[in-house]
mmCIF file of all heavy atoms, coordinates in Angstrom:
data_MODEL
# 
_entry.id   MODEL 
# 
loop_
_atom_site.group_PDB 
_atom_site.id 
_atom_site.type_symbol 
_atom_site.label_atom_id 
_atom_site.label_alt_id 
_atom_site.label_comp_id 
_atom_site.label_asym_id 
_atom_site.label_entity_id 
_atom_site.label_seq_id 
_atom_site.pdbx_PDB_ins_code 
_atom_site.Cartn_x 
_atom_site.Cartn_y 
_atom_site.Cartn_z 
_atom_site.occupancy 
_atom_site.B_iso_or_equiv 
_atom_site.pdbx_formal_charge 
_atom_site.auth_seq_id 
_atom_site.auth_comp_id 
_atom_site.auth_asym_id 
_atom_site.auth_atom_id 
_atom_site.pdbx_PDB_model_num 
ATOM 1   N N   . ILE A 1 1  ? 175.530 148.075 119.698 1.00 0.00 ? 1  ILE A N   1 
ATOM 2   C CA  . ILE A 1 1  ? 176.898 148.410 119.869 1.00 0.00 ? 1  ILE A CA  1 
ATOM 3   C C   . ILE A 1 1  ? 177.181 148.984 121.350 1.00 0.00 ? 1  ILE A C   1 
ATOM 4   O O   . ILE A 1 1  ? 178.128 148.657 121.975 1.00 0.00 ? 1  ILE A O   1 
ATOM 5   C CB  . ILE A 1 1  ? 177.388 149.340 118.743 1.00 0.00 ? 1  ILE A CB  1 
ATOM 6   C CG1 . ILE A 1 1  ? 177.417 148.511 117.350 1.00 0.00 ? 1  ILE A CG1 1 
ATOM 7   C CG2 . ILE A 1 1  ? 178.859 149.921 119.069 1.00 0.00 ? 1  ILE A CG2 1 
ATOM 8   C CD1 . ILE A 1 1  ? 177.626 149.309 116.182 1.00 0.00 ? 1  ILE A CD1 1 
ATOM 9   N N   . ALA A 1 2  ? 176.414 149.945 121.635 1.00 0.00 ? 2  ALA A N   1 
ATOM 10  C CA  . ALA A 1 2  ? 176.578 150.663 123.002 1.00 0.00 ? 2  ALA A CA  1 
ATOM 11  C C   . ALA A 1 2  ? 176.455 149.635 124.017 1.00 0.00 ? 2  ALA A C   1 
ATOM 12  O O   . ALA A 1 2  ? 177.233 149.718 125.141 1.00 0.00 ? 2  ALA A O   1 
ATOM 13  C CB  . ALA A 1 2  ? 175.583 151.765 123.068 1.00 0.00 ? 2  ALA A CB  1 
ATOM 14  N N   . GLU A 1 3  ? 175.504 148.723 124.079 1.00 0.00 ? 3  GLU A N   1 
ATOM 15  C CA  . GLU A 1 3  ? 175.205 147.857 125.090 1.00 0.00 ? 3  GLU A CA  1 
ATOM 16  C C   . GLU A 1 3  ? 176.255 146.674 125.229 1.00 0.00 ? 3  GLU A C   1 
ATOM 17  O O   . GLU A 1 3  ? 176.456 146.195 126.297 1.00 0.00 ? 3  GLU A O   1 
ATOM 18  C CB  . GLU A 1 3  ? 173.793 147.244 124.971 1.00 0.00 ? 3  GLU A CB  1 
ATOM 19  C CG  . GLU A 1 3  ? 172.736 148.221 125.306 1.00 0.00 ? 3  GLU A CG  1 
ATOM 20  C CD  . GLU A 1 3  ? 171.417 147.748 124.754 1.00 0.00 ? 3  GLU A CD  1 
ATOM 21  O OE1 . GLU A 1 3  ? 171.180 146.578 124.375 1.00 0.00 ? 3  GLU A OE1 1 
ATOM 22  O OE2 . GLU A 1 3  ? 170.365 148.492 124.833 1.00 0.00 ? 3  GLU A OE2 1 
ATOM 23  N N   . ASN A 1 4  ? 176.847 146.353 124.191 1.00 0.00 ? 4  ASN A N   1 
ATOM 24  C CA  . ASN A 1 4  ? 177.857 145.413 124.136 1.00 0.00 ? 4  ASN A CA  1 
ATOM 25  C C   . ASN A 1 4  ? 179.333 145.761 124.041 1.00 0.00 ? 4  ASN A C   1 
ATOM 26  O O   . ASN A 1 4  ? 180.222 144.886 123.667 1.00 0.00 ? 4  ASN A O   1 
ATOM 27  C CB  . ASN A 1 4  ? 177.385 144.340 122.975 1.00 0.00 ? 4  ASN A CB  1 
ATOM 28  C CG  . ASN A 1 4  ? 176.202 143.721 123.265 1.00 0.00 ? 4  ASN A CG  1 
ATOM 29  O OD1 . ASN A 1 4  ? 176.158 142.778 124.085 1.00 0.00 ? 4  ASN A OD1 1 
ATOM 30  N ND2 . ASN A 1 4  ? 175.129 144.095 122.613 1.00 0.00 ? 4  ASN A ND2 1 
ATOM 31  N N   . SER A 1 5  ? 179.576 147.102 124.084 1.00 0.00 ? 5  SER A N   1 
ATOM 32  C CA  . SER A 1 5  ? 180.849 147.612 124.122 1.00 0.00 ? 5  SER A CA  1 
ATOM 33  C C   . SER A 1 5  ? 181.775 146.871 125.143 1.00 0.00 ? 5  SER A C   1 
ATOM 34  O O   . SER A 1 5  ? 181.288 146.668 126.210 1.00 0.00 ? 5  SER A O   1 
ATOM 35  C CB  . SER A 1 5  ? 180.830 149.203 124.263 1.00 0.00 ? 5  SER A CB  1 
ATOM 36  O OG  . SER A 1 5  ? 182.134 149.664 124.486 1.00 0.00 ? 5  SER A OG  1 
ATOM 37  N N   . PRO A 1 6  ? 183.011 146.517 124.742 1.00 0.00 ? 6  PRO A N   1 
ATOM 38  C CA  . PRO A 1 6  ? 183.887 145.870 125.721 1.00 0.00 ? 6  PRO A CA  1 
ATOM 39  C C   . PRO A 1 6  ? 184.526 146.943 126.685 1.00 0.00 ? 6  PRO A C   1 
ATOM 40  O O   . PRO A 1 6  ? 185.679 146.975 126.755 1.00 0.00 ? 6  PRO A O   1 
ATOM 41  C CB  . PRO A 1 6  ? 184.939 145.209 124.801 1.00 0.00 ? 6  PRO A CB  1 
ATOM 42  C CG  . PRO A 1 6  ? 185.024 145.977 123.747 1.00 0.00 ? 6  PRO A CG  1 
ATOM 43  C CD  . PRO A 1 6  ? 183.617 146.604 123.371 1.00 0.00 ? 6  PRO A CD  1 
ATOM 44  N N   . GLY A 1 7  ? 183.753 147.783 127.167 1.00 0.00 ? 7  GLY A N   1 
ATOM 45  C CA  . GLY A 1 7  ? 184.216 148.810 128.230 1.00 0.00 ? 7  GLY A CA  1 
ATOM 46  C C   . GLY A 1 7  ? 184.910 150.001 127.451 1.00 0.00 ? 7  GLY A C   1 
ATOM 47  O O   . GLY A 1 7  ? 185.708 150.652 128.082 1.00 0.00 ? 7  GLY A O   1 
ATOM 48  N N   . LEU A 1 8  ? 184.459 150.233 126.300 1.00 0.00 ? 8  LEU A N   1 
ATOM 49  C CA  . LEU A 1 8  ? 185.002 151.417 125.575 1.00 0.00 ? 8  LEU A CA  1 
ATOM 50  C C   . LEU A 1 8  ? 183.991 152.531 125.351 1.00 0.00 ? 8  LEU A C   1 
ATOM 51  O O   . LEU A 1 8  ? 182.821 152.148 125.053 1.00 0.00 ? 8  LEU A O   1 
ATOM 52  C CB  . LEU A 1 8  ? 185.515 150.948 124.187 1.00 0.00 ? 8  LEU A CB  1 
ATOM 53  C CG  . LEU A 1 8  ? 186.798 150.013 124.218 1.00 0.00 ? 8  LEU A CG  1 
ATOM 54  C CD1 . LEU A 1 8  ? 186.917 149.426 122.764 1.00 0.00 ? 8  LEU A CD1 1 
ATOM 55  C CD2 . LEU A 1 8  ? 187.946 150.784 124.747 1.00 0.00 ? 8  LEU A CD2 1 
ATOM 56  N N   . PRO A 1 9  ? 184.288 153.749 125.465 1.00 0.00 ? 9  PRO A N   1 
ATOM 57  C CA  . PRO A 1 9  ? 183.336 154.752 125.121 1.00 0.00 ? 9  PRO A CA  1 
ATOM 58  C C   . PRO A 1 9  ? 183.057 154.686 123.501 1.00 0.00 ? 9  PRO A C   1 
ATOM 59  O O   . PRO A 1 9  ? 183.990 154.582 122.770 1.00 0.00 ? 9  PRO A O   1 
ATOM 60  C CB  . PRO A 1 9  ? 184.122 156.121 125.438 1.00 0.00 ? 9  PRO A CB  1 
ATOM 61  C CG  . PRO A 1 9  ? 185.461 155.707 125.499 1.00 0.00 ? 9  PRO A CG  1 
ATOM 62  C CD  . PRO A 1 9  ? 185.628 154.289 125.827 1.00 0.00 ? 9  PRO A CD  1 
ATOM 63  N N   . VAL A 1 10 ? 181.789 154.844 123.182 1.00 0.00 ? 10 VAL A N   1 
ATOM 64  C CA  . VAL A 1 10 ? 181.390 154.923 121.817 1.00 0.00 ? 10 VAL A CA  1 
ATOM 65  C C   . VAL A 1 10 ? 181.537 156.430 121.321 1.00 0.00 ? 10 VAL A C   1 
ATOM 66  O O   . VAL A 1 10 ? 180.888 157.207 121.859 1.00 0.00 ? 10 VAL A O   1 
ATOM 67  C CB  . VAL A 1 10 ? 179.975 154.421 121.722 1.00 0.00 ? 10 VAL A CB  1 
ATOM 68  C CG1 . VAL A 1 10 ? 179.502 154.568 120.133 1.00 0.00 ? 10 VAL A CG1 1 
ATOM 69  C CG2 . VAL A 1 10 ? 179.840 153.068 122.168 1.00 0.00 ? 10 VAL A CG2 1 
ATOM 70  N N   . LEU A 1 11 ? 182.387 156.572 120.307 1.00 0.00 ? 11 LEU A N   1 
ATOM 71  C CA  . LEU A 1 11 ? 182.648 157.874 119.754 1.00 0.00 ? 11 LEU A CA  1 
ATOM 72  C C   . LEU A 1 11 ? 181.453 158.267 118.899 1.00 0.00 ? 11 LEU A C   1 
ATOM 73  O O   . LEU A 1 11 ? 181.076 159.517 118.913 1.00 0.00 ? 11 LEU A O   1 
ATOM 74  C CB  . LEU A 1 11 ? 183.906 157.872 119.071 1.00 0.00 ? 11 LEU A CB  1 
ATOM 75  C CG  . LEU A 1 11 ? 184.383 159.342 118.559 1.00 0.00 ? 11 LEU A CG  1 
ATOM 76  C CD1 . LEU A 1 11 ? 184.770 160.297 119.646 1.00 0.00 ? 11 LEU A CD1 1 
ATOM 77  C CD2 . LEU A 1 11 ? 185.573 159.200 117.551 1.00 0.00 ? 11 LEU A CD2 1 
ATOM 78  N N   . GLY A 1 12 ? 180.943 157.378 118.188 1.00 0.00 ? 12 GLY A N   1 
ATOM 79  C CA  . GLY A 1 12 ? 179.944 157.733 117.243 1.00 0.00 ? 12 GLY A CA  1 
ATOM 80  C C   . GLY A 1 12 ? 179.539 156.514 116.274 1.00 0.00 ? 12 GLY A C   1 
ATOM 81  O O   . GLY A 1 12 ? 180.073 155.391 116.448 1.00 0.00 ? 12 GLY A O   1 
ATOM 82  N N   . PHE A 1 13 ? 178.712 156.906 115.201 1.00 0.00 ? 13 PHE A N   1 
ATOM 83  C CA  . PHE A 1 13 ? 178.354 155.811 114.378 1.00 0.00 ? 13 PHE A CA  1 
ATOM 84  C C   . PHE A 1 13 ? 178.422 156.187 112.892 1.00 0.00 ? 13 PHE A C   1 
ATOM 85  O O   . PHE A 1 13 ? 178.183 157.515 112.592 1.00 0.00 ? 13 PHE A O   1 
ATOM 86  C CB  . PHE A 1 13 ? 176.907 155.342 114.546 1.00 0.00 ? 13 PHE A CB  1 
ATOM 87  C CG  . PHE A 1 13 ? 176.701 154.910 116.104 1.00 0.00 ? 13 PHE A CG  1 
ATOM 88  C CD1 . PHE A 1 13 ? 176.269 155.824 116.970 1.00 0.00 ? 13 PHE A CD1 1 
ATOM 89  C CD2 . PHE A 1 13 ? 176.983 153.651 116.381 1.00 0.00 ? 13 PHE A CD2 1 
ATOM 90  C CE1 . PHE A 1 13 ? 176.061 155.425 118.365 1.00 0.00 ? 13 PHE A CE1 1 
ATOM 91  C CE2 . PHE A 1 13 ? 176.891 153.260 117.716 1.00 0.00 ? 13 PHE A CE2 1 
ATOM 92  C CZ  . PHE A 1 13 ? 176.333 154.080 118.594 1.00 0.00 ? 13 PHE A CZ  1 
ATOM 93  N N   . LEU A 1 14 ? 178.725 155.311 111.950 1.00 0.00 ? 14 LEU A N   1 
ATOM 94  C CA  . LEU A 1 14 ? 178.735 155.601 110.505 1.00 0.00 ? 14 LEU A CA  1 
ATOM 95  C C   . LEU A 1 14 ? 177.661 154.716 109.923 1.00 0.00 ? 14 LEU A C   1 
ATOM 96  O O   . LEU A 1 14 ? 177.645 153.560 110.299 1.00 0.00 ? 14 LEU A O   1 
ATOM 97  C CB  . LEU A 1 14 ? 180.094 155.253 109.973 1.00 0.00 ? 14 LEU A CB  1 
ATOM 98  C CG  . LEU A 1 14 ? 181.410 156.006 110.456 1.00 0.00 ? 14 LEU A CG  1 
ATOM 99  C CD1 . LEU A 1 14 ? 182.665 155.252 109.910 1.00 0.00 ? 14 LEU A CD1 1 
ATOM 100 C CD2 . LEU A 1 14 ? 181.244 157.464 110.123 1.00 0.00 ? 14 LEU A CD2 1 
ATOM 101 N N   . PRO A 1 15 ? 176.844 155.487 109.206 1.00 0.00 ? 15 PRO A N   1 
ATOM 102 C CA  . PRO A 1 15 ? 175.615 154.669 108.564 1.00 0.00 ? 15 PRO A CA  1 
ATOM 103 C C   . PRO A 1 15 ? 176.051 153.671 107.379 1.00 0.00 ? 15 PRO A C   1 
ATOM 104 O O   . PRO A 1 15 ? 177.071 153.947 106.715 1.00 0.00 ? 15 PRO A O   1 
ATOM 105 C CB  . PRO A 1 15 ? 174.725 155.716 108.083 1.00 0.00 ? 15 PRO A CB  1 
ATOM 106 C CG  . PRO A 1 15 ? 175.800 156.900 107.757 1.00 0.00 ? 15 PRO A CG  1 
ATOM 107 C CD  . PRO A 1 15 ? 176.815 156.776 108.741 1.00 0.00 ? 15 PRO A CD  1 
ATOM 108 N N   . GLU A 1 16 ? 175.211 152.661 107.374 1.00 0.00 ? 16 GLU A N   1 
ATOM 109 C CA  . GLU A 1 16 ? 175.352 151.799 106.147 1.00 0.00 ? 16 GLU A CA  1 
ATOM 110 C C   . GLU A 1 16 ? 174.921 152.565 104.994 1.00 0.00 ? 16 GLU A C   1 
ATOM 111 O O   . GLU A 1 16 ? 173.842 153.323 105.047 1.00 0.00 ? 16 GLU A O   1 
ATOM 112 C CB  . GLU A 1 16 ? 174.431 150.613 106.312 1.00 0.00 ? 16 GLU A CB  1 
ATOM 113 C CG  . GLU A 1 16 ? 174.350 149.646 105.049 1.00 0.00 ? 16 GLU A CG  1 
ATOM 114 C CD  . GLU A 1 16 ? 175.614 148.852 104.831 1.00 0.00 ? 16 GLU A CD  1 
ATOM 115 O OE1 . GLU A 1 16 ? 176.325 148.507 105.900 1.00 0.00 ? 16 GLU A OE1 1 
ATOM 116 O OE2 . GLU A 1 16 ? 175.754 148.499 103.657 1.00 0.00 ? 16 GLU A OE2 1 
ATOM 117 N N   . ASP A 1 17 ? 175.633 152.641 103.894 1.00 0.00 ? 17 ASP A N   1 
ATOM 118 C CA  . ASP A 1 17 ? 175.197 153.562 102.684 1.00 0.00 ? 17 ASP A CA  1 
ATOM 119 C C   . ASP A 1 17 ? 175.586 152.756 101.451 1.00 0.00 ? 17 ASP A C   1 
ATOM 120 O O   . ASP A 1 17 ? 176.865 152.536 101.158 1.00 0.00 ? 17 ASP A O   1 
ATOM 121 C CB  . ASP A 1 17 ? 175.943 154.829 102.838 1.00 0.00 ? 17 ASP A CB  1 
ATOM 122 C CG  . ASP A 1 17 ? 175.378 155.822 101.895 1.00 0.00 ? 17 ASP A CG  1 
ATOM 123 O OD1 . ASP A 1 17 ? 175.098 155.522 100.770 1.00 0.00 ? 17 ASP A OD1 1 
ATOM 124 O OD2 . ASP A 1 17 ? 175.322 156.955 102.329 1.00 0.00 ? 17 ASP A OD2 1 
ATOM 125 N N   . PRO A 1 18 ? 174.636 152.441 100.615 1.00 0.00 ? 18 PRO A N   1 
ATOM 126 C CA  . PRO A 1 18 ? 174.900 151.768 99.335  1.00 0.00 ? 18 PRO A CA  1 
ATOM 127 C C   . PRO A 1 18 ? 175.825 152.705 98.437  1.00 0.00 ? 18 PRO A C   1 
ATOM 128 O O   . PRO A 1 18 ? 176.490 152.128 97.450  1.00 0.00 ? 18 PRO A O   1 
ATOM 129 C CB  . PRO A 1 18 ? 173.575 151.622 98.700  1.00 0.00 ? 18 PRO A CB  1 
ATOM 130 C CG  . PRO A 1 18 ? 172.553 152.444 99.432  1.00 0.00 ? 18 PRO A CG  1 
ATOM 131 C CD  . PRO A 1 18 ? 173.204 152.751 100.833 1.00 0.00 ? 18 PRO A CD  1 
ATOM 132 N N   . GLY A 1 19 ? 175.967 154.008 98.684  1.00 0.00 ? 19 GLY A N   1 
ATOM 133 C CA  . GLY A 1 19 ? 176.820 154.853 97.904  1.00 0.00 ? 19 GLY A CA  1 
ATOM 134 C C   . GLY A 1 19 ? 178.197 154.480 97.975  1.00 0.00 ? 19 GLY A C   1 
ATOM 135 O O   . GLY A 1 19 ? 179.098 154.706 97.037  1.00 0.00 ? 19 GLY A O   1 
ATOM 136 N N   . VAL A 1 20 ? 178.599 153.762 99.159  1.00 0.00 ? 20 VAL A N   1 
ATOM 137 C CA  . VAL A 1 20 ? 180.115 153.314 99.244  1.00 0.00 ? 20 VAL A CA  1 
ATOM 138 C C   . VAL A 1 20 ? 180.421 152.235 98.214  1.00 0.00 ? 20 VAL A C   1 
ATOM 139 O O   . VAL A 1 20 ? 181.334 152.385 97.494  1.00 0.00 ? 20 VAL A O   1 
ATOM 140 C CB  . VAL A 1 20 ? 180.241 152.880 100.681 1.00 0.00 ? 20 VAL A CB  1 
ATOM 141 C CG1 . VAL A 1 20 ? 181.627 152.253 100.825 1.00 0.00 ? 20 VAL A CG1 1 
ATOM 142 C CG2 . VAL A 1 20 ? 180.009 153.844 101.668 1.00 0.00 ? 20 VAL A CG2 1 
ATOM 143 N N   . ARG A 1 21 ? 179.450 151.375 98.025  1.00 0.00 ? 21 ARG A N   1 
ATOM 144 C CA  . ARG A 1 21 ? 179.677 150.297 97.020  1.00 0.00 ? 21 ARG A CA  1 
ATOM 145 C C   . ARG A 1 21 ? 179.704 150.887 95.554  1.00 0.00 ? 21 ARG A C   1 
ATOM 146 O O   . ARG A 1 21 ? 180.516 150.597 94.763  1.00 0.00 ? 21 ARG A O   1 
ATOM 147 C CB  . ARG A 1 21 ? 178.608 149.291 97.115  1.00 0.00 ? 21 ARG A CB  1 
ATOM 148 C CG  . ARG A 1 21 ? 178.825 148.087 96.105  1.00 0.00 ? 21 ARG A CG  1 
ATOM 149 C CD  . ARG A 1 21 ? 177.786 146.871 96.382  1.00 0.00 ? 21 ARG A CD  1 
ATOM 150 N NE  . ARG A 1 21 ? 177.893 146.391 97.675  1.00 0.00 ? 21 ARG A NE  1 
ATOM 151 C CZ  . ARG A 1 21 ? 176.864 146.183 98.496  1.00 0.00 ? 21 ARG A CZ  1 
ATOM 152 N NH1 . ARG A 1 21 ? 175.665 146.275 98.046  1.00 0.00 ? 21 ARG A NH1 1 
ATOM 153 N NH2 . ARG A 1 21 ? 177.051 145.603 99.723  1.00 0.00 ? 21 ARG A NH2 1 
ATOM 154 N N   . GLU A 1 22 ? 178.731 151.915 95.423  1.00 0.00 ? 22 GLU A N   1 
ATOM 155 C CA  . GLU A 1 22 ? 178.669 152.518 94.051  1.00 0.00 ? 22 GLU A CA  1 
ATOM 156 C C   . GLU A 1 22 ? 180.090 153.293 93.736  1.00 0.00 ? 22 GLU A C   1 
ATOM 157 O O   . GLU A 1 22 ? 180.558 153.161 92.705  1.00 0.00 ? 22 GLU A O   1 
ATOM 158 C CB  . GLU A 1 22 ? 177.613 153.438 94.020  1.00 0.00 ? 22 GLU A CB  1 
ATOM 159 C CG  . GLU A 1 22 ? 176.282 152.875 93.948  1.00 0.00 ? 22 GLU A CG  1 
ATOM 160 C CD  . GLU A 1 22 ? 175.123 153.933 94.107  1.00 0.00 ? 22 GLU A CD  1 
ATOM 161 O OE1 . GLU A 1 22 ? 175.368 155.052 93.743  1.00 0.00 ? 22 GLU A OE1 1 
ATOM 162 O OE2 . GLU A 1 22 ? 174.107 153.628 94.662  1.00 0.00 ? 22 GLU A OE2 1 
ATOM 163 N N   . ALA A 1 23 ? 180.580 153.911 94.858  1.00 0.00 ? 23 ALA A N   1 
ATOM 164 C CA  . ALA A 1 23 ? 181.865 154.567 94.769  1.00 0.00 ? 23 ALA A CA  1 
ATOM 165 C C   . ALA A 1 23 ? 182.964 153.676 94.368  1.00 0.00 ? 23 ALA A C   1 
ATOM 166 O O   . ALA A 1 23 ? 183.828 153.997 93.482  1.00 0.00 ? 23 ALA A O   1 
ATOM 167 C CB  . ALA A 1 23 ? 182.111 155.441 95.978  1.00 0.00 ? 23 ALA A CB  1 
ATOM 168 N N   . ASP A 1 24 ? 182.949 152.569 95.127  1.00 0.00 ? 24 ASP A N   1 
ATOM 169 C CA  . ASP A 1 24 ? 184.094 151.662 94.879  1.00 0.00 ? 24 ASP A CA  1 
ATOM 170 C C   . ASP A 1 24 ? 184.003 151.011 93.433  1.00 0.00 ? 24 ASP A C   1 
ATOM 171 O O   . ASP A 1 24 ? 184.998 150.911 92.705  1.00 0.00 ? 24 ASP A O   1 
ATOM 172 C CB  . ASP A 1 24 ? 184.030 150.523 95.785  1.00 0.00 ? 24 ASP A CB  1 
ATOM 173 C CG  . ASP A 1 24 ? 185.197 149.601 95.759  1.00 0.00 ? 24 ASP A CG  1 
ATOM 174 O OD1 . ASP A 1 24 ? 186.459 150.052 95.857  1.00 0.00 ? 24 ASP A OD1 1 
ATOM 175 O OD2 . ASP A 1 24 ? 185.018 148.249 95.595  1.00 0.00 ? 24 ASP A OD2 1 
ATOM 176 N N   . ARG A 1 25 ? 182.827 150.663 93.017  1.00 0.00 ? 25 ARG A N   1 
ATOM 177 C CA  . ARG A 1 25 ? 182.677 150.150 91.620  1.00 0.00 ? 25 ARG A CA  1 
ATOM 178 C C   . ARG A 1 25 ? 183.094 151.193 90.481  1.00 0.00 ? 25 ARG A C   1 
ATOM 179 O O   . ARG A 1 25 ? 183.528 150.727 89.434  1.00 0.00 ? 25 ARG A O   1 
ATOM 180 C CB  . ARG A 1 25 ? 181.241 149.633 91.431  1.00 0.00 ? 25 ARG A CB  1 
ATOM 181 C CG  . ARG A 1 25 ? 180.972 148.480 92.314  1.00 0.00 ? 25 ARG A CG  1 
ATOM 182 C CD  . ARG A 1 25 ? 179.587 148.009 92.079  1.00 0.00 ? 25 ARG A CD  1 
ATOM 183 N NE  . ARG A 1 25 ? 179.407 146.773 92.917  1.00 0.00 ? 25 ARG A NE  1 
ATOM 184 C CZ  . ARG A 1 25 ? 178.202 146.247 93.145  1.00 0.00 ? 25 ARG A CZ  1 
ATOM 185 N NH1 . ARG A 1 25 ? 177.055 146.672 92.575  1.00 0.00 ? 25 ARG A NH1 1 
ATOM 186 N NH2 . ARG A 1 25 ? 178.104 145.086 93.833  1.00 0.00 ? 25 ARG A NH2 1 
ATOM 187 N N   . SER A 1 26 ? 182.830 152.411 90.771  1.00 0.00 ? 26 SER A N   1 
ATOM 188 C CA  . SER A 1 26 ? 182.977 153.463 89.718  1.00 0.00 ? 26 SER A CA  1 
ATOM 189 C C   . SER A 1 26 ? 184.397 154.156 89.920  1.00 0.00 ? 26 SER A C   1 
ATOM 190 O O   . SER A 1 26 ? 184.667 154.994 89.174  1.00 0.00 ? 26 SER A O   1 
ATOM 191 C CB  . SER A 1 26 ? 181.909 154.425 89.689  1.00 0.00 ? 26 SER A CB  1 
ATOM 192 O OG  . SER A 1 26 ? 181.866 155.127 90.897  1.00 0.00 ? 26 SER A OG  1 
# 
C-alpha cells in the first residue's frame, strides 16, 4: 500500500480480522 500509494500520505492500517464477519453474522 505504501509503495503504490497514488501520492497520498498513508494515515495507517486496519487489520484483517475474522471477528468482523462474526459480528456481522451475529
